[in-house]
Amino acid sequence: MTSVSNSSLSFTSSSCSSSPSSRTTSPKPPQSPPALSSPLRWSLKYDVLVCHSSDPSDTEEAVHLVSFLEAHSLRCFLVHRDTCPGGAFSTELCEAIQNSHLRALLITPNFLQDEWCMYMMHQALSEGPMSNRMLPLVHNLPHSQYPQELKFRFYFDLGKHPDQCYTRVSNTVVQCE
C-alpha cells in the first residue's frame, strides 16, 4: 500500500486576484465551501468520526486533529468527549459510525492492539470494501504493520508533516459531503 506523499500534497488558493476591481475598502469575509451548507451535510450529526486508541499519545494526536478540523467548521466525534456517561459503549460507537459522513482511523501500534479500535475499523469496513467513507491516518507505524484489511486503501502518513495531512483530511471531508 502506498501512503499519500507529503511532497505531492497540493493546495489551492480560494481567490487570488490582482485585478484592481478585486481591491475594495471593505474586505469580504472568506466564504465557506458550499458543501458545508449543503442539506446532505446536515443529514448526519457528524462530518467525521475520529477513532483512536486510548493511549495518551494517540489521544493527544486525535485531539490535535479534531481541533484543526473543528477550526475549519467541521463537526467531529471523539469517543472520550462525545459518548454519554453510562451509555453502552458498543451502541454509542455504532451510532456514531452511522451518524458520521466519514471515519478517520488514527492507526498506530496501540490502535492495532486495542480491541475497540479494531471493532470500529471492522464496523466501518462492513459498509463494503469500496466505500470511500474511511480515511486511514498512519502515525508511528511501519508500513509492514499496516492492517491487511486496509491493504487496498491509500493512507495519510502523519509522520513528517501532520498539519499538511490535517489539511488534506479537512479537504477530503468537505469534498465528500
N, C-alpha and C. Protein backbone atom coordinates (compact mmCIF):
# COMPACT_ATOMS: atom_id res chain seq x y z
N MET A 1 0.85 -1.17 0.00
CA MET A 1 0.00 0.00 0.00
C MET A 1 0.89 1.23 0.00
N THR A 2 0.43 2.26 -0.57
CA THR A 2 1.18 3.48 -0.73
C THR A 2 0.60 4.57 0.14
N SER A 3 1.45 5.34 0.74
CA SER A 3 0.95 6.46 1.53
C SER A 3 0.78 7.67 0.63
N VAL A 4 0.02 8.63 1.10
CA VAL A 4 -0.09 9.88 0.39
C VAL A 4 1.20 10.64 0.66
N SER A 5 1.93 10.90 -0.35
CA SER A 5 3.22 11.56 -0.20
C SER A 5 3.05 13.00 0.22
N ASN A 6 3.80 13.39 1.23
CA ASN A 6 3.71 14.77 1.68
C ASN A 6 4.23 15.73 0.62
N SER A 7 5.16 15.28 -0.19
CA SER A 7 5.69 16.18 -1.20
C SER A 7 4.71 16.42 -2.34
N SER A 8 3.71 15.53 -2.46
CA SER A 8 2.76 15.71 -3.56
C SER A 8 1.47 16.39 -3.09
N LEU A 9 1.45 16.83 -1.85
CA LEU A 9 0.25 17.50 -1.37
C LEU A 9 0.06 18.80 -2.13
N SER A 10 -1.15 19.02 -2.57
CA SER A 10 -1.40 20.24 -3.32
C SER A 10 -2.44 21.07 -2.61
N PHE A 11 -2.27 22.33 -2.67
CA PHE A 11 -3.20 23.26 -2.04
C PHE A 11 -3.69 24.23 -3.09
N THR A 12 -4.94 24.62 -2.97
CA THR A 12 -5.48 25.57 -3.92
C THR A 12 -5.83 26.84 -3.19
N SER A 13 -5.60 27.92 -3.84
CA SER A 13 -5.94 29.22 -3.28
C SER A 13 -7.40 29.50 -3.56
N SER A 14 -8.12 29.98 -2.54
CA SER A 14 -9.55 30.23 -2.74
C SER A 14 -9.79 31.41 -3.67
N SER A 15 -9.01 32.45 -3.56
CA SER A 15 -9.13 33.54 -4.52
C SER A 15 -7.89 34.42 -4.44
N CYS A 16 -7.18 34.49 -5.49
CA CYS A 16 -6.01 35.36 -5.59
C CYS A 16 -6.16 36.14 -6.88
N SER A 17 -6.54 37.36 -6.76
CA SER A 17 -6.72 38.16 -7.95
C SER A 17 -5.97 39.46 -7.75
N SER A 18 -5.29 39.88 -8.79
CA SER A 18 -4.57 41.13 -8.69
C SER A 18 -5.26 42.24 -9.47
N SER A 19 -6.45 41.96 -9.96
CA SER A 19 -7.14 42.99 -10.72
C SER A 19 -7.60 44.11 -9.80
N PRO A 20 -7.59 45.37 -10.28
CA PRO A 20 -7.96 46.50 -9.44
C PRO A 20 -9.39 46.37 -8.92
N SER A 21 -10.28 45.76 -9.67
CA SER A 21 -11.66 45.67 -9.23
C SER A 21 -11.83 44.74 -8.02
N SER A 22 -10.83 43.89 -7.77
CA SER A 22 -10.94 42.98 -6.64
C SER A 22 -10.49 43.65 -5.34
N ARG A 23 -9.89 44.82 -5.43
CA ARG A 23 -9.44 45.53 -4.25
C ARG A 23 -10.52 46.51 -3.82
N THR A 24 -11.08 46.27 -2.66
CA THR A 24 -12.12 47.16 -2.15
C THR A 24 -11.72 47.65 -0.77
N THR A 25 -12.42 48.67 -0.30
CA THR A 25 -12.09 49.21 1.01
C THR A 25 -12.63 48.34 2.13
N SER A 26 -13.72 47.60 1.91
CA SER A 26 -14.21 46.71 2.96
C SER A 26 -14.09 45.27 2.48
N PRO A 27 -13.08 44.56 3.01
CA PRO A 27 -12.88 43.19 2.55
C PRO A 27 -14.04 42.29 2.96
N LYS A 28 -14.38 41.35 2.09
CA LYS A 28 -15.44 40.41 2.37
C LYS A 28 -14.88 39.26 3.20
N PRO A 29 -15.67 38.75 4.13
CA PRO A 29 -15.18 37.60 4.89
C PRO A 29 -15.05 36.38 3.96
N PRO A 30 -14.14 35.48 4.27
CA PRO A 30 -13.98 34.32 3.39
C PRO A 30 -15.25 33.48 3.39
N GLN A 31 -15.60 32.99 2.22
CA GLN A 31 -16.79 32.16 2.08
C GLN A 31 -16.44 30.72 2.43
N SER A 32 -17.34 30.07 3.16
CA SER A 32 -17.10 28.66 3.44
C SER A 32 -17.47 27.85 2.21
N PRO A 33 -16.84 26.70 2.05
CA PRO A 33 -17.15 25.87 0.88
C PRO A 33 -18.64 25.55 0.83
N PRO A 34 -19.22 25.51 -0.36
CA PRO A 34 -20.66 25.22 -0.50
C PRO A 34 -21.06 23.91 0.18
N ALA A 35 -20.17 22.94 0.22
CA ALA A 35 -20.51 21.65 0.83
C ALA A 35 -20.85 21.79 2.31
N LEU A 36 -20.28 22.80 2.98
CA LEU A 36 -20.55 22.97 4.40
C LEU A 36 -21.96 23.47 4.69
N SER A 37 -22.64 23.97 3.68
CA SER A 37 -24.02 24.40 3.88
C SER A 37 -25.02 23.53 3.13
N SER A 38 -24.55 22.44 2.55
CA SER A 38 -25.45 21.59 1.78
C SER A 38 -26.39 20.80 2.69
N PRO A 39 -27.60 20.51 2.22
CA PRO A 39 -28.54 19.70 3.01
C PRO A 39 -27.98 18.31 3.33
N LEU A 40 -27.17 17.74 2.43
CA LEU A 40 -26.60 16.42 2.67
C LEU A 40 -25.73 16.44 3.93
N ARG A 41 -24.97 17.51 4.11
CA ARG A 41 -24.11 17.60 5.29
C ARG A 41 -24.93 17.49 6.57
N TRP A 42 -26.06 18.14 6.59
CA TRP A 42 -26.86 18.20 7.81
C TRP A 42 -27.73 16.97 8.00
N SER A 43 -27.65 16.01 7.08
CA SER A 43 -28.43 14.78 7.23
C SER A 43 -27.84 13.86 8.30
N LEU A 44 -26.58 14.06 8.66
CA LEU A 44 -25.94 13.29 9.70
C LEU A 44 -25.39 14.23 10.78
N LYS A 45 -25.23 13.71 11.97
CA LYS A 45 -24.81 14.53 13.11
C LYS A 45 -23.35 14.98 13.04
N TYR A 46 -22.49 14.12 12.47
CA TYR A 46 -21.05 14.42 12.44
C TYR A 46 -20.52 14.39 11.02
N ASP A 47 -19.55 15.25 10.76
CA ASP A 47 -18.84 15.22 9.48
C ASP A 47 -17.82 14.08 9.49
N VAL A 48 -17.15 13.92 10.62
CA VAL A 48 -16.11 12.89 10.72
C VAL A 48 -16.02 12.35 12.14
N LEU A 49 -15.88 11.05 12.23
CA LEU A 49 -15.62 10.37 13.49
C LEU A 49 -14.14 10.06 13.51
N VAL A 50 -13.47 10.38 14.60
CA VAL A 50 -12.05 10.10 14.72
C VAL A 50 -11.88 8.95 15.71
N CYS A 51 -11.40 7.84 15.19
CA CYS A 51 -11.18 6.64 16.00
C CYS A 51 -9.70 6.54 16.34
N HIS A 52 -9.39 6.34 17.61
CA HIS A 52 -8.00 6.24 18.06
C HIS A 52 -7.95 5.36 19.30
N SER A 53 -6.77 4.90 19.64
CA SER A 53 -6.60 4.10 20.84
C SER A 53 -6.67 5.01 22.06
N SER A 54 -6.79 4.38 23.23
CA SER A 54 -6.86 5.16 24.47
C SER A 54 -5.49 5.53 25.01
N ASP A 55 -4.43 5.15 24.31
CA ASP A 55 -3.09 5.55 24.73
C ASP A 55 -3.00 7.08 24.75
N PRO A 56 -2.41 7.65 25.80
CA PRO A 56 -2.35 9.12 25.90
C PRO A 56 -1.75 9.83 24.68
N SER A 57 -0.70 9.26 24.08
CA SER A 57 -0.11 9.93 22.92
C SER A 57 -1.05 9.88 21.72
N ASP A 58 -1.80 8.79 21.56
CA ASP A 58 -2.78 8.70 20.47
C ASP A 58 -3.95 9.64 20.72
N THR A 59 -4.39 9.73 21.96
CA THR A 59 -5.47 10.65 22.30
C THR A 59 -5.04 12.09 22.02
N GLU A 60 -3.80 12.41 22.37
CA GLU A 60 -3.28 13.76 22.12
C GLU A 60 -3.27 14.07 20.63
N GLU A 61 -2.83 13.13 19.81
CA GLU A 61 -2.81 13.34 18.36
C GLU A 61 -4.23 13.50 17.82
N ALA A 62 -5.17 12.70 18.33
CA ALA A 62 -6.57 12.79 17.90
C ALA A 62 -7.16 14.15 18.29
N VAL A 63 -6.84 14.63 19.46
CA VAL A 63 -7.33 15.94 19.90
C VAL A 63 -6.78 17.04 19.01
N HIS A 64 -5.50 16.94 18.62
CA HIS A 64 -4.91 17.93 17.70
C HIS A 64 -5.65 17.92 16.36
N LEU A 65 -5.89 16.72 15.84
CA LEU A 65 -6.60 16.60 14.57
C LEU A 65 -8.00 17.19 14.67
N VAL A 66 -8.73 16.84 15.71
CA VAL A 66 -10.10 17.33 15.88
C VAL A 66 -10.11 18.84 16.06
N SER A 67 -9.17 19.38 16.81
CA SER A 67 -9.08 20.84 16.98
C SER A 67 -8.89 21.52 15.63
N PHE A 68 -8.03 20.96 14.80
CA PHE A 68 -7.79 21.50 13.47
C PHE A 68 -9.08 21.44 12.64
N LEU A 69 -9.73 20.28 12.62
CA LEU A 69 -10.94 20.11 11.81
C LEU A 69 -12.07 21.01 12.29
N GLU A 70 -12.25 21.10 13.60
CA GLU A 70 -13.31 21.94 14.14
C GLU A 70 -13.03 23.42 13.90
N ALA A 71 -11.76 23.81 13.84
CA ALA A 71 -11.41 25.19 13.50
C ALA A 71 -11.79 25.50 12.06
N HIS A 72 -11.98 24.45 11.24
CA HIS A 72 -12.40 24.59 9.85
C HIS A 72 -13.88 24.26 9.69
N SER A 73 -14.63 24.45 10.77
CA SER A 73 -16.10 24.33 10.78
C SER A 73 -16.61 22.91 10.55
N LEU A 74 -15.82 21.91 10.85
CA LEU A 74 -16.28 20.53 10.71
C LEU A 74 -16.72 20.00 12.07
N ARG A 75 -17.74 19.16 12.04
CA ARG A 75 -18.29 18.58 13.28
C ARG A 75 -17.67 17.20 13.47
N CYS A 76 -17.00 17.02 14.61
CA CYS A 76 -16.25 15.79 14.85
C CYS A 76 -16.79 15.03 16.06
N PHE A 77 -16.59 13.72 16.02
CA PHE A 77 -16.92 12.84 17.14
C PHE A 77 -15.63 12.26 17.68
N LEU A 78 -15.43 12.41 19.00
CA LEU A 78 -14.32 11.79 19.72
C LEU A 78 -14.92 10.96 20.85
N VAL A 79 -14.50 9.74 20.99
CA VAL A 79 -15.10 8.83 21.97
C VAL A 79 -15.05 9.42 23.38
N HIS A 80 -13.88 9.82 23.85
CA HIS A 80 -13.76 10.27 25.24
C HIS A 80 -14.50 11.58 25.52
N ARG A 81 -14.84 12.30 24.49
CA ARG A 81 -15.52 13.58 24.66
C ARG A 81 -17.02 13.50 24.39
N ASP A 82 -17.41 12.67 23.43
CA ASP A 82 -18.78 12.73 22.92
C ASP A 82 -19.68 11.54 23.26
N THR A 83 -19.18 10.58 24.02
CA THR A 83 -20.05 9.48 24.43
C THR A 83 -20.77 9.87 25.72
N CYS A 84 -21.91 9.26 25.90
CA CYS A 84 -22.74 9.52 27.07
C CYS A 84 -22.24 8.69 28.25
N PRO A 85 -21.92 9.32 29.36
CA PRO A 85 -21.51 8.53 30.53
C PRO A 85 -22.61 7.54 30.92
N GLY A 86 -22.22 6.30 31.13
CA GLY A 86 -23.17 5.26 31.49
C GLY A 86 -23.83 4.60 30.31
N GLY A 87 -23.59 5.11 29.10
CA GLY A 87 -24.18 4.51 27.90
C GLY A 87 -23.46 3.22 27.54
N ALA A 88 -24.12 2.40 26.74
CA ALA A 88 -23.49 1.17 26.25
C ALA A 88 -22.45 1.54 25.21
N PHE A 89 -21.20 1.22 25.50
CA PHE A 89 -20.08 1.65 24.67
C PHE A 89 -20.26 1.23 23.20
N SER A 90 -20.56 -0.05 22.97
CA SER A 90 -20.67 -0.52 21.58
C SER A 90 -21.84 0.16 20.87
N THR A 91 -22.93 0.41 21.57
CA THR A 91 -24.08 1.09 20.96
C THR A 91 -23.71 2.51 20.58
N GLU A 92 -23.04 3.21 21.49
CA GLU A 92 -22.63 4.59 21.23
C GLU A 92 -21.70 4.65 20.01
N LEU A 93 -20.75 3.72 19.95
CA LEU A 93 -19.81 3.72 18.82
C LEU A 93 -20.52 3.42 17.51
N CYS A 94 -21.39 2.42 17.51
CA CYS A 94 -22.10 2.08 16.27
C CYS A 94 -22.98 3.24 15.81
N GLU A 95 -23.65 3.92 16.76
CA GLU A 95 -24.48 5.07 16.40
C GLU A 95 -23.62 6.20 15.84
N ALA A 96 -22.46 6.41 16.44
CA ALA A 96 -21.56 7.47 15.95
C ALA A 96 -21.07 7.15 14.55
N ILE A 97 -20.76 5.89 14.29
CA ILE A 97 -20.32 5.49 12.95
C ILE A 97 -21.44 5.74 11.95
N GLN A 98 -22.65 5.35 12.30
CA GLN A 98 -23.79 5.54 11.39
C GLN A 98 -24.14 7.00 11.20
N ASN A 99 -23.82 7.84 12.18
CA ASN A 99 -24.16 9.26 12.11
C ASN A 99 -23.00 10.14 11.69
N SER A 100 -21.99 9.54 11.04
CA SER A 100 -20.83 10.29 10.56
C SER A 100 -20.67 10.08 9.06
N HIS A 101 -20.37 11.16 8.37
CA HIS A 101 -20.12 11.05 6.93
C HIS A 101 -18.85 10.25 6.66
N LEU A 102 -17.78 10.53 7.41
CA LEU A 102 -16.50 9.85 7.21
C LEU A 102 -15.95 9.37 8.54
N ARG A 103 -15.05 8.38 8.45
CA ARG A 103 -14.38 7.85 9.63
C ARG A 103 -12.89 7.99 9.44
N ALA A 104 -12.24 8.73 10.32
CA ALA A 104 -10.79 8.86 10.29
C ALA A 104 -10.23 7.89 11.33
N LEU A 105 -9.43 6.94 10.87
CA LEU A 105 -8.83 5.96 11.77
C LEU A 105 -7.39 6.35 12.01
N LEU A 106 -7.05 6.69 13.25
CA LEU A 106 -5.68 7.04 13.61
C LEU A 106 -4.96 5.74 13.95
N ILE A 107 -4.33 5.16 12.93
CA ILE A 107 -3.74 3.83 13.05
C ILE A 107 -2.31 3.94 13.56
N THR A 108 -2.11 3.41 14.75
CA THR A 108 -0.82 3.39 15.43
C THR A 108 -0.59 1.97 15.93
N PRO A 109 0.60 1.67 16.46
CA PRO A 109 0.77 0.35 17.07
C PRO A 109 -0.25 0.10 18.18
N ASN A 110 -0.60 1.14 18.94
CA ASN A 110 -1.59 0.99 20.01
C ASN A 110 -2.99 0.71 19.45
N PHE A 111 -3.33 1.33 18.32
CA PHE A 111 -4.61 1.10 17.65
C PHE A 111 -4.75 -0.38 17.32
N LEU A 112 -3.69 -0.97 16.80
CA LEU A 112 -3.72 -2.37 16.38
C LEU A 112 -3.87 -3.34 17.56
N GLN A 113 -3.53 -2.87 18.76
CA GLN A 113 -3.65 -3.70 19.96
C GLN A 113 -4.95 -3.46 20.71
N ASP A 114 -5.69 -2.45 20.31
CA ASP A 114 -6.92 -2.06 21.02
C ASP A 114 -8.12 -2.76 20.38
N GLU A 115 -8.80 -3.60 21.14
CA GLU A 115 -9.93 -4.36 20.60
C GLU A 115 -11.05 -3.45 20.10
N TRP A 116 -11.32 -2.35 20.79
CA TRP A 116 -12.39 -1.45 20.36
C TRP A 116 -12.03 -0.74 19.06
N CYS A 117 -10.77 -0.38 18.89
CA CYS A 117 -10.35 0.25 17.63
C CYS A 117 -10.52 -0.73 16.47
N MET A 118 -10.12 -1.97 16.69
CA MET A 118 -10.26 -2.96 15.63
C MET A 118 -11.75 -3.22 15.36
N TYR A 119 -12.56 -3.21 16.40
CA TYR A 119 -14.01 -3.37 16.23
C TYR A 119 -14.57 -2.23 15.38
N MET A 120 -14.17 -0.99 15.69
CA MET A 120 -14.66 0.16 14.92
C MET A 120 -14.17 0.11 13.48
N MET A 121 -12.93 -0.32 13.28
CA MET A 121 -12.41 -0.43 11.92
C MET A 121 -13.26 -1.44 11.14
N HIS A 122 -13.58 -2.57 11.76
CA HIS A 122 -14.38 -3.58 11.07
C HIS A 122 -15.82 -3.11 10.87
N GLN A 123 -16.35 -2.33 11.80
CA GLN A 123 -17.68 -1.76 11.61
C GLN A 123 -17.68 -0.84 10.39
N ALA A 124 -16.65 0.00 10.28
CA ALA A 124 -16.55 0.91 9.14
C ALA A 124 -16.35 0.12 7.85
N LEU A 125 -15.58 -0.96 7.90
CA LEU A 125 -15.36 -1.78 6.71
C LEU A 125 -16.61 -2.55 6.30
N SER A 126 -17.53 -2.75 7.23
CA SER A 126 -18.73 -3.54 6.93
C SER A 126 -19.61 -2.87 5.87
N GLU A 127 -19.37 -1.60 5.59
CA GLU A 127 -20.12 -0.92 4.52
C GLU A 127 -19.75 -1.46 3.15
N GLY A 128 -18.64 -2.11 3.08
CA GLY A 128 -18.19 -2.66 1.80
C GLY A 128 -16.77 -2.23 1.53
N PRO A 129 -16.03 -3.06 0.84
CA PRO A 129 -14.61 -2.78 0.62
C PRO A 129 -14.35 -1.54 -0.23
N MET A 130 -15.31 -1.11 -1.00
CA MET A 130 -15.06 0.04 -1.87
C MET A 130 -15.70 1.33 -1.35
N SER A 131 -16.21 1.30 -0.14
CA SER A 131 -16.78 2.51 0.45
C SER A 131 -15.67 3.55 0.58
N ASN A 132 -15.98 4.77 0.25
CA ASN A 132 -14.98 5.84 0.35
C ASN A 132 -15.19 6.68 1.60
N ARG A 133 -15.78 6.11 2.62
CA ARG A 133 -16.09 6.86 3.83
C ARG A 133 -15.05 6.66 4.92
N MET A 134 -13.95 5.98 4.64
CA MET A 134 -12.92 5.73 5.64
C MET A 134 -11.62 6.42 5.24
N LEU A 135 -11.00 7.10 6.20
CA LEU A 135 -9.73 7.78 5.97
C LEU A 135 -8.68 7.20 6.92
N PRO A 136 -7.85 6.28 6.45
CA PRO A 136 -6.78 5.78 7.33
C PRO A 136 -5.67 6.82 7.49
N LEU A 137 -5.31 7.07 8.74
CA LEU A 137 -4.23 8.00 9.07
C LEU A 137 -3.19 7.21 9.84
N VAL A 138 -2.00 7.07 9.31
CA VAL A 138 -0.96 6.29 9.94
C VAL A 138 -0.05 7.22 10.72
N HIS A 139 0.25 6.79 11.97
CA HIS A 139 1.13 7.59 12.81
C HIS A 139 2.05 6.64 13.58
N ASN A 140 3.35 6.82 13.40
CA ASN A 140 4.36 5.99 14.09
C ASN A 140 4.14 4.50 13.85
N LEU A 141 3.83 4.15 12.61
CA LEU A 141 3.57 2.76 12.26
C LEU A 141 4.35 2.40 11.00
N PRO A 142 5.20 1.39 11.06
CA PRO A 142 5.88 0.96 9.85
C PRO A 142 4.89 0.39 8.84
N HIS A 143 5.19 0.56 7.59
CA HIS A 143 4.31 0.08 6.53
C HIS A 143 4.02 -1.41 6.68
N SER A 144 4.98 -2.17 7.15
CA SER A 144 4.80 -3.63 7.30
C SER A 144 3.72 -3.98 8.32
N GLN A 145 3.37 -3.03 9.20
CA GLN A 145 2.33 -3.29 10.20
C GLN A 145 0.96 -2.75 9.80
N TYR A 146 0.87 -2.12 8.64
CA TYR A 146 -0.40 -1.59 8.16
C TYR A 146 -1.39 -2.75 8.06
N PRO A 147 -2.61 -2.61 8.58
CA PRO A 147 -3.56 -3.72 8.63
C PRO A 147 -3.87 -4.32 7.26
N GLN A 148 -3.86 -5.62 7.19
CA GLN A 148 -4.18 -6.34 5.95
C GLN A 148 -5.58 -5.99 5.46
N GLU A 149 -6.51 -5.74 6.38
CA GLU A 149 -7.88 -5.41 6.00
C GLU A 149 -7.95 -4.12 5.18
N LEU A 150 -6.94 -3.28 5.32
CA LEU A 150 -6.93 -1.98 4.65
C LEU A 150 -5.93 -1.93 3.49
N LYS A 151 -5.36 -3.05 3.12
CA LYS A 151 -4.28 -3.05 2.13
C LYS A 151 -4.67 -2.44 0.79
N PHE A 152 -5.96 -2.34 0.52
CA PHE A 152 -6.41 -1.76 -0.75
C PHE A 152 -6.71 -0.27 -0.62
N ARG A 153 -6.38 0.32 0.49
CA ARG A 153 -6.65 1.74 0.71
C ARG A 153 -5.37 2.54 0.85
N PHE A 154 -5.36 3.72 0.24
CA PHE A 154 -4.28 4.66 0.48
C PHE A 154 -4.45 5.24 1.87
N TYR A 155 -3.36 5.67 2.46
CA TYR A 155 -3.46 6.27 3.78
C TYR A 155 -2.66 7.57 3.83
N PHE A 156 -3.00 8.38 4.81
CA PHE A 156 -2.27 9.61 5.08
C PHE A 156 -1.21 9.27 6.12
N ASP A 157 0.04 9.66 5.87
CA ASP A 157 1.12 9.41 6.82
C ASP A 157 1.37 10.70 7.61
N LEU A 158 1.01 10.66 8.89
CA LEU A 158 1.15 11.84 9.74
C LEU A 158 2.56 12.03 10.27
N GLY A 159 3.46 11.14 9.92
CA GLY A 159 4.80 11.13 10.50
C GLY A 159 5.63 12.37 10.26
N LYS A 160 5.59 12.94 9.07
CA LYS A 160 6.52 14.03 8.75
C LYS A 160 5.87 15.41 8.82
N HIS A 161 4.70 15.57 8.25
CA HIS A 161 4.05 16.88 8.18
C HIS A 161 2.57 16.75 8.56
N PRO A 162 2.29 16.60 9.85
CA PRO A 162 0.89 16.36 10.25
C PRO A 162 -0.06 17.48 9.84
N ASP A 163 0.38 18.73 9.90
CA ASP A 163 -0.53 19.83 9.53
C ASP A 163 -0.95 19.75 8.07
N GLN A 164 -0.03 19.36 7.18
CA GLN A 164 -0.39 19.19 5.78
C GLN A 164 -1.39 18.05 5.61
N CYS A 165 -1.19 16.98 6.37
CA CYS A 165 -2.15 15.86 6.32
C CYS A 165 -3.49 16.28 6.89
N TYR A 166 -3.48 17.05 7.97
CA TYR A 166 -4.74 17.55 8.54
C TYR A 166 -5.51 18.35 7.50
N THR A 167 -4.79 19.19 6.76
CA THR A 167 -5.43 19.98 5.70
C THR A 167 -6.02 19.06 4.64
N ARG A 168 -5.28 18.03 4.26
CA ARG A 168 -5.80 17.08 3.28
C ARG A 168 -7.04 16.35 3.80
N VAL A 169 -7.02 15.98 5.07
CA VAL A 169 -8.20 15.33 5.68
C VAL A 169 -9.37 16.28 5.64
N SER A 170 -9.16 17.53 6.04
CA SER A 170 -10.23 18.53 6.03
C SER A 170 -10.81 18.69 4.62
N ASN A 171 -9.91 18.82 3.64
CA ASN A 171 -10.37 18.97 2.25
C ASN A 171 -11.14 17.75 1.78
N THR A 172 -10.69 16.57 2.17
CA THR A 172 -11.38 15.33 1.79
C THR A 172 -12.77 15.28 2.39
N VAL A 173 -12.88 15.65 3.65
CA VAL A 173 -14.19 15.64 4.32
C VAL A 173 -15.14 16.60 3.59
N VAL A 174 -14.67 17.79 3.30
CA VAL A 174 -15.52 18.78 2.62
C VAL A 174 -15.93 18.28 1.23
N GLN A 175 -15.01 17.69 0.50
CA GLN A 175 -15.32 17.20 -0.85
C GLN A 175 -16.30 16.04 -0.84
N CYS A 176 -16.30 15.26 0.23
CA CYS A 176 -17.18 14.07 0.27
C CYS A 176 -18.59 14.40 0.74
N GLU A 177 -18.84 15.59 1.16
CA GLU A 177 -20.17 15.91 1.67
C GLU A 177 -21.07 16.43 0.58
